[in-house]
Amino acid sequence: MENNTISDERILPIVSRMRELVREMKLLGVDTEQIGKLIFPIGESVPTVKLFDGGIIIPDEGNAVISLNPSECALYELLLGHPEGISSDGFVLCREEYYAIYRTRSNFDEDVFIRNTVDSLCAESKTVFYSTVSRIKHKIISVLGAWEASPYLIKRGRDGLYRIKAILEP
């Protein structure tokens, strides 16, 4: 079933009924994320990730490799270290922590280039922050698909905090 095409005609009516049920749930005020949790509960299993210099590995998905640039990888690592979440404005408070992580991953030797990258992510406009989160999301979804990617994405909760459901594998 690649690219959302279904060759088995017995599946098409089931998918149609599922779409109707999802529409009904949305009309009742259930959002898409809640529907996903109801259909595919994570249960006792907590999704895990491993970090490496070029990105992340997702053991629960056959050791899928998500390639991230150093800035993306540092942001992902920072959020893994803050399961309580961080607000977009709160990234300024994590500037030095992000700097320390990015410094170990950066290809730059000169501190001025490292500081410029950190400053752009923590800037008041949040443009670089939002685009970095978006790039990470697209990279993860392109490898895993939308449903499987969900616990590994950086998401903003209703409380306004950005977090990742997955945890760093011990």
Protein backbone atom coordinates (compact mmCIF):
# COMPACT_ATOMS: atom_id res chain seq x y z
CA MET A 1 0.00 0.00 0.00
CA GLU A 2 2.51 2.60 -1.09
CA ASN A 3 1.56 6.20 -1.86
CA ASN A 4 -1.94 5.76 -0.39
CA THR A 5 -3.03 3.45 -3.23
CA ILE A 6 -5.03 0.40 -2.30
CA SER A 7 -5.18 -2.48 -4.73
CA ASP A 8 -7.50 -4.78 -2.72
CA GLU A 9 -11.11 -3.78 -3.45
CA ARG A 10 -12.26 -5.24 -0.12
CA ILE A 11 -10.32 -2.50 1.70
CA LEU A 12 -11.92 0.47 -0.07
CA PRO A 13 -15.33 0.22 1.71
CA ILE A 14 -13.56 -0.12 5.07
CA VAL A 15 -11.51 3.03 4.39
CA SER A 16 -14.67 4.85 3.34
CA ARG A 17 -16.42 3.89 6.59
CA MET A 18 -13.33 4.92 8.59
CA ARG A 19 -13.36 8.36 6.93
CA GLU A 20 -17.05 8.77 7.78
CA LEU A 21 -16.37 7.87 11.42
CA VAL A 22 -13.46 10.32 11.61
CA ARG A 23 -15.69 13.07 10.17
CA GLU A 24 -18.34 12.27 12.80
CA MET A 25 -15.75 12.41 15.58
CA LYS A 26 -14.49 15.78 14.33
CA LEU A 27 -18.06 17.12 14.32
CA LEU A 28 -18.28 16.05 17.97
CA GLY A 29 -15.20 18.14 18.73
CA VAL A 30 -12.53 15.43 18.79
CA ASP A 31 -9.32 16.72 17.18
CA THR A 32 -7.14 14.68 14.83
CA GLU A 33 -4.43 14.02 17.41
CA GLN A 34 -6.98 12.64 19.88
CA ILE A 35 -8.46 10.42 17.17
CA GLY A 36 -5.01 9.02 16.44
CA LYS A 37 -4.46 8.29 20.12
CA LEU A 38 -7.80 6.50 20.35
CA ILE A 39 -7.17 4.39 17.27
CA PHE A 40 -3.48 3.70 17.89
CA PRO A 41 -2.88 3.94 21.64
CA ILE A 42 0.78 3.91 22.57
CA GLY A 43 -0.05 2.02 25.77
CA GLU A 44 2.84 0.97 27.97
CA SER A 45 5.37 1.22 25.16
CA VAL A 46 7.23 4.52 25.03
CA PRO A 47 8.76 5.32 21.64
CA THR A 48 12.52 5.86 21.75
CA VAL A 49 15.15 7.53 19.60
CA LYS A 50 18.93 7.34 19.43
CA LEU A 51 21.11 10.30 18.51
CA PHE A 52 24.13 10.20 16.24
CA ASP A 53 26.23 12.90 14.59
CA GLY A 54 24.10 12.98 11.45
CA GLY A 55 20.63 12.83 13.01
CA ILE A 56 18.46 10.31 14.79
CA ILE A 57 17.76 6.59 14.64
CA ILE A 58 14.31 5.24 15.46
CA PRO A 59 14.65 1.70 16.82
CA ASP A 60 10.88 1.01 16.94
CA GLU A 61 10.66 1.64 13.20
CA GLY A 62 13.34 -0.82 12.08
CA ASN A 63 16.23 1.47 13.01
CA ALA A 64 15.03 4.10 10.55
CA VAL A 65 17.61 6.84 10.05
CA ILE A 66 16.52 10.48 9.90
CA SER A 67 19.32 12.71 8.63
CA LEU A 68 19.42 16.12 10.30
CA ASN A 69 21.85 18.98 9.93
CA PRO A 70 23.76 20.01 13.10
CA SER A 71 21.35 22.80 14.03
CA GLU A 72 18.31 20.55 13.60
CA CYS A 73 19.96 17.73 15.53
CA ALA A 74 20.90 20.08 18.39
CA LEU A 75 17.33 21.43 18.61
CA TYR A 76 15.94 17.89 18.64
CA GLU A 77 18.41 16.87 21.36
CA LEU A 78 17.55 19.96 23.41
CA LEU A 79 13.83 19.13 23.31
CA LEU A 80 14.47 15.48 24.18
CA GLY A 81 16.20 16.81 27.29
CA HIS A 82 13.09 18.81 28.22
CA PRO A 83 10.12 16.41 28.26
CA GLU A 84 8.17 19.04 30.20
CA GLY A 85 8.32 21.19 27.05
CA ILE A 86 9.70 24.59 26.13
CA SER A 87 7.74 27.58 24.87
CA SER A 88 8.94 29.34 21.74
CA ASP A 89 9.77 32.35 23.94
CA GLY A 90 11.47 30.04 26.43
CA PHE A 91 14.17 29.09 23.96
CA VAL A 92 15.98 32.27 24.90
CA LEU A 93 16.31 30.83 28.42
CA CYS A 94 17.82 27.66 26.91
CA ARG A 95 20.30 29.56 24.73
CA GLU A 96 23.42 28.37 26.56
CA GLU A 97 22.19 24.78 26.70
CA TYR A 98 21.44 24.86 22.96
CA TYR A 99 24.84 26.47 22.37
CA ALA A 100 26.61 23.66 24.28
CA ILE A 101 24.79 20.97 22.29
CA TYR A 102 25.21 22.71 18.93
CA ARG A 103 28.90 23.33 19.59
CA THR A 104 29.52 19.55 19.79
CA ARG A 105 27.64 18.96 16.52
CA SER A 106 28.65 21.98 14.46
CA ASN A 107 31.03 21.84 11.54
CA PHE A 108 32.28 25.32 12.46
CA ASP A 109 35.46 25.79 14.46
CA GLU A 110 35.05 29.51 15.07
CA ASP A 111 32.84 30.46 17.98
CA VAL A 112 31.41 33.49 16.16
CA PHE A 113 29.72 31.23 13.56
CA ILE A 114 28.35 28.96 16.28
CA ARG A 115 26.99 31.95 18.24
CA ASN A 116 25.37 33.37 15.08
CA THR A 117 23.50 30.11 14.50
CA VAL A 118 22.38 29.96 18.13
CA ASP A 119 21.32 33.62 18.06
CA SER A 120 19.26 33.11 14.90
CA LEU A 121 17.37 30.16 16.41
CA CYS A 122 16.69 32.09 19.63
CA ALA A 123 15.81 35.38 17.86
CA GLU A 124 12.66 37.19 18.89
CA SER A 125 11.08 36.76 15.44
CA LYS A 126 11.11 32.93 15.83
CA THR A 127 11.39 32.60 12.03
CA VAL A 128 14.44 30.32 12.14
CA PHE A 129 13.00 28.34 15.05
CA TYR A 130 9.70 27.68 13.22
CA SER A 131 11.41 26.80 9.94
CA THR A 132 13.81 24.43 11.74
CA VAL A 133 10.93 22.64 13.48
CA SER A 134 9.14 22.40 10.12
CA ARG A 135 12.20 20.95 8.33
CA ILE A 136 12.62 18.33 11.06
CA LYS A 137 8.93 17.41 10.78
CA HIS A 138 9.12 16.98 7.01
CA LYS A 139 12.25 14.86 7.24
CA ILE A 140 10.73 12.52 9.82
CA ILE A 141 7.42 12.18 7.95
CA SER A 142 9.20 11.55 4.64
CA VAL A 143 10.97 8.55 6.19
CA LEU A 144 8.25 7.15 8.48
CA GLY A 145 4.94 8.33 7.07
CA ALA A 146 2.47 10.55 8.93
CA TRP A 147 0.99 8.02 11.40
CA GLU A 148 4.25 6.41 12.44
CA ALA A 149 6.03 9.77 12.67
CA SER A 150 3.66 11.29 15.22
CA PRO A 151 5.47 10.41 18.49
CA TYR A 152 8.81 11.56 17.05
CA LEU A 153 7.69 15.00 15.88
CA ILE A 154 8.26 18.27 17.67
CA LYS A 155 4.75 19.42 18.49
CA ARG A 156 3.30 22.41 20.23
CA GLY A 157 0.79 21.35 22.86
CA ARG A 158 -2.33 23.21 23.87
CA ASP A 159 -0.25 24.68 26.68
CA GLY A 160 1.96 26.35 24.05
CA LEU A 161 4.98 24.21 24.91
CA TYR A 162 7.03 22.38 22.29
CA ARG A 163 7.93 18.79 23.13
CA ILE A 164 8.64 15.37 21.69
CA LYS A 165 6.71 12.34 22.97
CA ALA A 166 9.57 9.96 22.25
CA ILE A 167 12.40 9.65 24.74
CA LEU A 168 16.12 9.19 24.32
CA GLU A 169 16.97 5.51 24.40
CA PRO A 170 19.06 4.69 27.47
